[in-house]
């Protein structure tokens, strides 16, 4: 019986600075803009938004590169 767990990564696709908001949005299944707005409001209104962002940026690993097929590698080599 194989159980696959959902992992939190910093996004490679939905990134503006370090991929933190995009990764959180992918993990929770919501729009990345909502997560970005949350961090902005948390930082502006006295919350720990910037500190939390920096901690997540350091602690959470970046999303692993997807394995590319041999056809893609051959086309990119040309």
Protein backbone atom coordinates (compact mmCIF):
# COMPACT_ATOMS: atom_id res chain seq x y z
CA UNK A 1 0.00 0.00 0.00
CA UNK A 2 1.66 3.16 -1.24
CA UNK A 3 0.64 6.49 0.22
CA UNK A 4 1.83 9.58 -1.61
CA UNK A 5 2.13 12.69 0.54
CA UNK A 6 1.70 16.21 -0.73
CA UNK A 7 4.96 18.16 -0.34
CA UNK A 8 5.46 21.89 -0.02
CA UNK A 9 7.95 23.37 -2.48
CA UNK A 10 8.80 26.84 -3.71
CA UNK A 11 7.31 27.10 -7.18
CA UNK A 12 9.37 27.27 -10.36
CA UNK A 13 6.38 28.30 -12.52
CA UNK A 14 4.42 30.74 -10.34
CA UNK A 15 7.25 32.90 -9.11
CA UNK A 16 7.75 36.61 -8.75
CA UNK A 17 10.63 36.69 -6.30
CA UNK A 18 11.49 33.33 -4.75
CA UNK A 19 8.44 31.19 -5.52
CA UNK A 20 7.14 31.15 -1.94
CA UNK A 21 3.64 32.44 -2.68
CA UNK A 22 3.31 30.29 -5.79
CA UNK A 23 4.38 27.20 -3.87
CA UNK A 24 1.94 27.87 -1.04
CA UNK A 25 -0.84 28.47 -3.57
CA UNK A 26 -0.11 25.17 -5.34
CA UNK A 27 -0.02 23.33 -2.01
CA UNK A 28 -3.37 24.72 -0.82
CA UNK A 29 -4.98 24.78 -4.28
CA UNK A 30 -5.71 28.51 -4.38
CA UNK A 31 -4.80 31.47 -6.59
CA UNK A 32 -1.22 32.74 -6.05
CA UNK A 33 -2.49 36.33 -6.10
CA UNK A 34 -4.47 35.69 -2.90
CA UNK A 35 -1.37 34.40 -1.13
CA UNK A 36 0.66 37.39 -2.33
CA UNK A 37 -2.02 39.78 -1.06
CA UNK A 38 -2.02 38.01 2.29
CA UNK A 39 1.74 38.52 2.68
CA UNK A 40 1.49 42.17 1.63
CA UNK A 41 -1.31 42.89 4.11
CA UNK A 42 0.50 40.97 6.85
CA UNK A 43 3.65 43.02 6.25
CA UNK A 44 1.89 46.39 6.01
CA UNK A 45 -0.44 46.04 8.97
CA UNK A 46 2.11 45.12 11.60
CA UNK A 47 2.05 41.36 11.11
CA UNK A 48 5.06 39.18 10.60
CA UNK A 49 4.52 38.92 6.81
CA UNK A 50 8.03 39.78 5.69
CA UNK A 51 9.67 37.68 8.40
CA UNK A 52 7.44 34.69 7.59
CA UNK A 53 8.22 35.05 3.88
CA UNK A 54 11.96 35.11 4.53
CA UNK A 55 11.80 32.08 6.81
CA UNK A 56 9.76 30.10 4.29
CA UNK A 57 12.16 31.15 1.52
CA UNK A 58 15.10 29.71 3.50
CA UNK A 59 13.44 26.57 4.91
CA UNK A 60 11.26 25.30 2.04
CA UNK A 61 13.15 23.63 -0.82
CA UNK A 62 12.66 24.62 -4.45
CA UNK A 63 10.44 22.41 -6.59
CA UNK A 64 12.53 19.63 -8.18
CA UNK A 65 13.20 19.78 -11.90
CA UNK A 66 10.95 17.48 -13.91
CA UNK A 67 12.65 14.67 -15.75
CA UNK A 68 12.79 15.63 -19.41
CA UNK A 69 12.30 13.08 -22.13
CA UNK A 70 15.15 12.18 -24.53
CA UNK A 71 13.24 13.90 -27.38
CA UNK A 72 13.21 17.21 -25.52
CA UNK A 73 16.94 16.92 -24.78
CA UNK A 74 17.71 16.13 -28.45
CA UNK A 75 15.68 19.11 -29.68
CA UNK A 76 17.32 21.50 -27.22
CA UNK A 77 20.81 20.35 -28.26
CA UNK A 78 20.28 21.44 -31.86
